[in-house]
Amino acid sequence: MSDNAKGNKEQIPPILQPWISLYRSTPKFNIPGTSVDISFSLHCAVIFSILRIASRQALYRLGWTVGYDTNYTAACIVSICHSSLLLPGLAAVLLSQKFVPSGQLLTSPIWYQDATNSLMGFCTGYMIYDSVMGYIIETWQPGIGPVLSGDDWMFLGHHILTTLYMVSARWQTAGHMSAMVLMFNGEFSAPIMNVHFILEKAMLQDCCKGIAWLPALFAINEHIFSVVYLICRVVVSPFVISYVTYDLLFTKTGRRDVPLWLSISWMPMCWVSYHVTYCVLDLVFSSILTLSNDPRQS
C-alpha cells in the first residue's frame, strides 16, 4: 500500500517529506553484506565539503586571514547548516511514533523507515565529511601526512563511534530511536555553540575590529550558549543516556530486538559523548579566558 493510500490512517509530517523524497531519489548502493545504503551519505558528504570550501573562500573575500581560524570558522558554518536542518527532522521522527529506544524499524510505516534512513544517512555523511576534511585534508603536512593533536584524536574518535552506532542500528533495523534521541540532544546546542565559536574567531580578525557591536553580541551569545549547553549536555544527557541504557540492557523487548552484544558495544559510544561534553566545556571556558586576557579586546 502506498503512503498516499495510508494517508487516512497516518499523516506524514510535512517537515519529513523533503527528507523522504531526497532519500528515495538518490541512487542506492548498500554496504556489502548489509541492507544499509551508503550512497546518500556519500552524496551529503560531498555537498558538505563543497559548502566548507565555499564558506572559506567567502571569508577570505571578507578579509579574513589564511590559516587555522578561517578554516575553523568555515567548519562551524557547515556545522550550523547540518544541525539546523537535522534537528526539525529528528523532532518530527521522534514525535511521530511511540518512543522505544530499542524499537524495531521494520514494524513502522515505509515513509517512517525512509525518513529515518534519510536523517541518519545525512548525519553519517556529515561525520564522513568532517573526518576527511577536518582531520585529514586540513591537517595534512607534505612528507608526514595528517598531524593531529590530542583533541583532534578525541573528536575523530567521536565521529567514528557515532557513525558505527548509526550504521549498526540501520543494519540491525532496531535501536534507531536510541541513536536519534542521542543525536537530537547532542545537536540541540550545536547551532548556538558554533555561533559562539564564529564570533570568537571574528573578534580576533583585523577586518572585524571596526564592528563596534561584535563584543556585545559575543557576550549575549555567550550567556545564552552557556545555559543551553549546560541544560542539554550536563543536565539532560545523563537522563537520556541512562534511559537508553536501561531500555537496551534491562528490558525484555530491548534484549529481544537488539542483540545483547550490540547493545553492550553501544554503551561506550553513548557515554563517551558525555565525556566529550566536558572536553568542549573546557575548550569553551579556555577560549573565553583567552579573549578576556587579550589586550586587543580592551
Protein backbone atom coordinates (compact mmCIF):
# COMPACT_ATOMS: atom_id res chain seq x y z
CA MET A 1 0.00 0.00 0.00
CA SER A 2 1.41 3.42 -0.94
CA ASP A 3 1.98 6.22 1.52
CA ASN A 4 -0.87 8.19 -0.03
CA ALA A 5 -3.23 5.25 0.43
CA LYS A 6 -2.32 5.16 4.08
CA GLY A 7 -2.84 8.88 4.43
CA ASN A 8 -6.23 8.47 6.11
CA LYS A 9 -4.67 6.44 8.92
CA GLU A 10 -1.45 8.38 9.43
CA GLN A 11 -0.41 11.76 8.09
CA ILE A 12 3.21 12.19 7.05
CA PRO A 13 4.68 15.24 8.86
CA PRO A 14 5.32 17.91 6.19
CA ILE A 15 8.83 18.57 7.51
CA LEU A 16 9.77 14.97 6.66
CA GLN A 17 8.51 14.95 3.08
CA PRO A 18 11.67 16.57 1.58
CA TRP A 19 13.85 14.12 3.53
CA ILE A 20 11.85 11.19 2.20
CA SER A 21 11.89 12.49 -1.39
CA LEU A 22 15.64 13.13 -1.34
CA TYR A 23 16.39 9.71 0.07
CA ARG A 24 14.15 7.91 -2.42
CA SER A 25 15.53 9.84 -5.41
CA THR A 26 19.19 9.11 -4.59
CA PRO A 27 20.64 6.01 -6.32
CA LYS A 28 21.23 3.27 -3.77
CA PHE A 29 24.50 1.48 -3.02
CA ASN A 30 24.44 -0.79 0.01
CA ILE A 31 27.40 -1.54 2.25
CA PRO A 32 28.45 -5.05 1.15
CA GLY A 33 26.71 -7.77 3.16
CA THR A 34 24.08 -5.37 4.55
CA SER A 35 20.94 -3.54 3.52
CA VAL A 36 22.39 -0.20 4.66
CA ASP A 37 22.57 2.35 1.85
CA ILE A 38 25.77 4.43 1.91
CA SER A 39 25.21 6.37 -1.31
CA PHE A 40 23.01 9.03 0.29
CA SER A 41 25.65 9.65 2.98
CA LEU A 42 28.42 9.99 0.41
CA HIS A 43 26.36 12.48 -1.60
CA CYS A 44 25.78 14.51 1.58
CA ALA A 45 29.49 14.36 2.42
CA VAL A 46 30.35 15.85 -0.98
CA ILE A 47 27.81 18.66 -0.52
CA PHE A 48 29.16 19.46 2.95
CA SER A 49 32.71 19.57 1.55
CA ILE A 50 31.69 21.99 -1.20
CA LEU A 51 29.91 24.18 1.35
CA ARG A 52 33.01 24.24 3.56
CA ILE A 53 35.27 25.28 0.69
CA ALA A 54 32.77 27.94 -0.44
CA SER A 55 32.44 29.30 3.11
CA ARG A 56 36.22 29.53 3.45
CA GLN A 57 36.53 31.42 0.16
CA ALA A 58 33.74 33.80 1.21
CA LEU A 59 35.58 34.55 4.45
CA TYR A 60 38.77 35.27 2.51
CA ARG A 61 36.87 37.78 0.37
CA LEU A 62 35.62 39.46 3.55
CA GLY A 63 39.20 39.99 4.65
CA TRP A 64 39.81 37.00 6.91
CA THR A 65 43.41 35.80 7.01
CA VAL A 66 44.52 32.47 5.58
CA GLY A 67 45.04 29.97 8.35
CA TYR A 68 43.51 27.86 11.09
CA ASP A 69 40.96 30.41 12.36
CA THR A 70 39.36 30.80 8.94
CA ASN A 71 39.32 27.04 8.33
CA TYR A 72 37.75 26.51 11.75
CA THR A 73 35.11 29.17 11.15
CA ALA A 74 34.17 27.64 7.79
CA ALA A 75 33.75 24.30 9.57
CA CYS A 76 31.47 25.98 12.12
CA ILE A 77 29.30 27.43 9.34
CA VAL A 78 28.82 23.95 7.87
CA SER A 79 28.06 22.55 11.32
CA ILE A 80 25.31 25.16 11.79
CA CYS A 81 23.76 24.15 8.46
CA HIS A 82 23.94 20.46 9.42
CA SER A 83 22.37 20.78 12.85
CA SER A 84 19.76 23.38 11.83
CA LEU A 85 18.48 21.08 9.07
CA LEU A 86 18.76 17.90 11.12
CA LEU A 87 17.02 18.97 14.34
CA PRO A 88 13.48 19.64 12.97
CA GLY A 89 13.54 16.31 11.12
CA LEU A 90 14.71 14.40 14.19
CA ALA A 91 12.00 16.04 16.30
CA ALA A 92 9.33 15.07 13.77
CA VAL A 93 10.54 11.45 13.58
CA LEU A 94 10.80 11.04 17.34
CA LEU A 95 7.35 12.53 17.94
CA SER A 96 5.56 10.67 15.15
CA GLN A 97 5.92 7.19 16.67
CA LYS A 98 5.86 5.68 20.14
CA PHE A 99 9.28 6.28 21.70
CA VAL A 100 11.04 2.97 22.38
CA PRO A 101 14.85 3.27 22.20
CA SER A 102 15.26 -0.39 21.21
CA GLY A 103 12.23 -0.45 18.89
CA GLN A 104 12.23 -2.23 15.54
CA LEU A 105 12.27 -0.14 12.36
CA LEU A 106 10.57 -2.62 10.02
CA THR A 107 7.32 -2.50 12.01
CA SER A 108 6.96 1.20 11.19
CA PRO A 109 5.36 2.66 8.03
CA ILE A 110 7.53 2.80 4.90
CA TRP A 111 7.62 6.60 4.96
CA TYR A 112 8.93 6.49 8.52
CA GLN A 113 11.63 4.00 7.57
CA ASP A 114 12.75 6.19 4.67
CA ALA A 115 12.72 9.34 6.83
CA THR A 116 14.80 7.58 9.48
CA ASN A 117 17.31 6.30 6.96
CA SER A 118 17.48 9.74 5.34
CA LEU A 119 18.17 11.59 8.60
CA MET A 120 20.68 9.06 9.85
CA GLY A 121 22.34 8.93 6.43
CA PHE A 122 22.54 12.73 6.43
CA CYS A 123 24.26 12.75 9.83
CA THR A 124 26.56 9.92 8.75
CA GLY A 125 27.50 11.99 5.69
CA TYR A 126 28.42 14.88 7.97
CA MET A 127 30.64 12.62 10.08
CA ILE A 128 32.39 11.29 6.98
CA TYR A 129 32.90 14.78 5.53
CA ASP A 130 34.22 16.30 8.78
CA SER A 131 36.55 13.37 9.43
CA VAL A 132 38.11 13.66 5.96
CA MET A 133 38.14 17.46 5.60
CA GLY A 134 38.90 18.40 9.19
CA TYR A 135 41.25 15.67 10.30
CA ILE A 136 42.97 14.51 7.10
CA ILE A 137 42.96 17.15 4.35
CA GLU A 138 43.32 20.29 6.51
CA THR A 139 45.90 18.72 8.85
CA TRP A 140 47.98 17.17 6.08
CA GLN A 141 51.66 18.04 6.02
CA PRO A 142 53.70 17.06 2.93
CA GLY A 143 56.01 14.14 3.61
CA ILE A 144 54.38 13.49 7.00
CA GLY A 145 50.64 13.04 6.50
CA PRO A 146 47.87 14.24 8.81
CA VAL A 147 49.17 15.75 12.06
CA LEU A 148 46.57 15.55 14.82
CA SER A 149 46.56 16.92 18.36
CA GLY A 150 45.13 15.09 21.35
CA ASP A 151 41.79 16.89 20.98
CA ASP A 152 41.75 16.07 17.26
CA TRP A 153 42.05 12.37 18.00
CA MET A 154 39.26 12.62 20.57
CA PHE A 155 36.81 14.30 18.19
CA LEU A 156 37.78 11.99 15.31
CA GLY A 157 37.11 9.03 17.60
CA HIS A 158 33.74 10.55 18.47
CA HIS A 159 32.89 10.81 14.75
CA ILE A 160 33.88 7.18 14.14
CA LEU A 161 31.89 5.86 17.12
CA THR A 162 28.83 7.92 16.16
CA THR A 163 28.99 6.59 12.60
CA LEU A 164 29.32 2.99 13.82
CA TYR A 165 26.31 3.48 16.10
CA MET A 166 24.09 4.80 13.32
CA VAL A 167 25.22 2.27 10.71
CA SER A 168 24.83 -0.72 13.07
CA ALA A 169 21.34 0.45 14.13
CA ARG A 170 20.30 0.66 10.49
CA TRP A 171 21.90 -2.74 9.78
CA GLN A 172 20.05 -4.31 12.72
CA THR A 173 16.84 -2.37 11.81
CA ALA A 174 16.35 -1.77 15.53
CA GLY A 175 17.60 0.68 18.11
CA HIS A 176 17.35 3.58 15.67
CA MET A 177 15.39 5.68 18.18
CA SER A 178 18.19 5.37 20.72
CA ALA A 179 20.60 6.80 18.15
CA MET A 180 18.24 9.59 17.11
CA VAL A 181 17.37 10.78 20.62
CA LEU A 182 21.08 10.95 21.44
CA MET A 183 21.65 12.84 18.18
CA PHE A 184 18.84 15.27 18.97
CA ASN A 185 20.07 16.08 22.46
CA GLY A 186 23.65 16.30 21.26
CA GLU A 187 22.88 18.58 18.31
CA PHE A 188 20.35 20.84 20.05
CA SER A 189 23.02 23.20 21.35
CA ALA A 190 25.21 22.92 18.23
CA PRO A 191 23.89 25.98 16.29
CA ILE A 192 24.39 28.43 19.15
CA MET A 193 27.68 26.77 20.12
CA ASN A 194 29.05 27.27 16.63
CA VAL A 195 27.84 30.88 16.57
CA HIS A 196 29.87 31.31 19.77
CA PHE A 197 32.98 29.93 18.08
CA ILE A 198 32.45 32.03 14.94
CA LEU A 199 32.11 35.24 16.96
CA GLU A 200 35.18 34.29 18.98
CA LYS A 201 37.28 33.91 15.83
CA ALA A 202 35.78 37.05 14.25
CA MET A 203 36.88 39.18 17.18
CA LEU A 204 40.47 38.12 16.51
CA GLN A 205 40.36 39.20 12.85
CA ASP A 206 41.70 42.65 11.92
CA CYS A 207 38.91 43.08 9.37
CA CYS A 208 36.31 42.83 12.15
CA LYS A 209 37.95 45.26 14.62
CA GLY A 210 35.75 48.12 13.45
CA ILE A 211 32.48 46.33 14.20
CA ALA A 212 31.54 48.01 17.48
CA TRP A 213 28.60 45.74 18.32
CA LEU A 214 30.53 42.48 17.88
CA PRO A 215 31.80 42.19 21.51
CA ALA A 216 28.30 42.88 22.85
CA LEU A 217 26.81 40.22 20.59
CA PHE A 218 29.51 37.81 21.70
CA ALA A 219 28.68 38.47 25.36
CA ILE A 220 24.94 37.91 24.82
CA ASN A 221 25.53 34.73 22.84
CA GLU A 222 27.98 33.54 25.48
CA HIS A 223 25.33 33.69 28.21
CA ILE A 224 22.64 32.01 26.11
CA PHE A 225 25.05 29.33 24.91
CA SER A 226 26.23 28.56 28.45
CA VAL A 227 22.67 27.99 29.66
CA VAL A 228 21.57 25.93 26.65
CA TYR A 229 24.73 23.81 26.61
CA LEU A 230 24.63 23.09 30.33
CA ILE A 231 20.95 22.11 30.20
CA CYS A 232 21.32 19.85 27.15
CA ARG A 233 24.71 18.27 27.77
CA VAL A 234 25.09 18.29 31.55
CA VAL A 235 21.53 18.09 32.92
CA VAL A 236 19.51 16.25 30.26
CA SER A 237 22.19 13.98 28.73
CA PRO A 238 22.71 11.65 31.72
CA PHE A 239 18.95 11.03 31.96
CA VAL A 240 18.63 10.35 28.23
CA ILE A 241 21.65 8.04 28.15
CA SER A 242 20.52 6.26 31.34
CA TYR A 243 17.07 5.61 29.88
CA VAL A 244 18.56 4.32 26.63
CA THR A 245 20.91 2.07 28.63
CA TYR A 246 18.03 0.73 30.73
CA ASP A 247 15.81 0.00 27.73
CA LEU A 248 18.54 -1.76 25.75
CA LEU A 249 20.03 -3.84 28.55
CA PHE A 250 17.37 -4.36 31.19
CA THR A 251 14.06 -4.81 29.36
CA LYS A 252 12.84 -7.97 27.64
CA THR A 253 11.92 -6.15 24.45
CA GLY A 254 15.29 -4.40 24.39
CA ARG A 255 17.21 -7.66 24.68
CA ARG A 256 14.88 -9.27 22.13
CA ASP A 257 15.07 -6.58 19.44
CA VAL A 258 18.74 -5.63 19.75
CA PRO A 259 21.37 -8.36 20.30
CA LEU A 260 22.92 -8.03 23.74
CA TRP A 261 26.44 -7.88 22.31
CA LEU A 262 25.44 -4.94 20.12
CA SER A 263 23.75 -3.08 22.97
CA ILE A 264 26.85 -3.55 25.12
CA SER A 265 29.05 -2.26 22.30
CA TRP A 266 26.80 0.82 22.03
CA MET A 267 27.27 1.75 25.67
CA PRO A 268 30.79 3.21 25.28
CA MET A 269 29.51 5.13 22.25
CA CYS A 270 26.73 6.63 24.41
CA TRP A 271 28.82 7.51 27.41
CA VAL A 272 31.95 8.68 25.58
CA SER A 273 29.86 11.53 24.13
CA TYR A 274 29.16 12.58 27.71
CA HIS A 275 32.92 12.78 28.30
CA VAL A 276 33.32 14.86 25.14
CA THR A 277 30.84 17.32 26.71
CA TYR A 278 33.29 18.22 29.43
CA CYS A 279 36.14 18.49 26.95
CA VAL A 280 34.08 21.01 24.94
CA LEU A 281 33.23 22.91 28.14
CA ASP A 282 36.93 23.11 28.95
CA LEU A 283 37.62 24.33 25.40
CA VAL A 284 34.92 26.99 25.65
CA PHE A 285 35.95 28.33 29.03
CA SER A 286 39.61 28.37 27.97
CA SER A 287 38.73 30.42 24.89
CA ILE A 288 36.67 32.84 27.00
CA LEU A 289 39.59 33.28 29.39
CA THR A 290 41.96 33.84 26.45
CA LEU A 291 39.70 36.50 24.96
CA SER A 292 39.24 38.25 28.30
CA ASN A 293 43.01 38.49 28.67
CA ASP A 294 43.63 39.61 25.08
CA PRO A 295 44.75 43.25 25.17
CA ARG A 296 43.40 43.75 21.65
CA GLN A 297 39.86 43.42 23.04
CA SER A 298 40.30 46.23 25.56
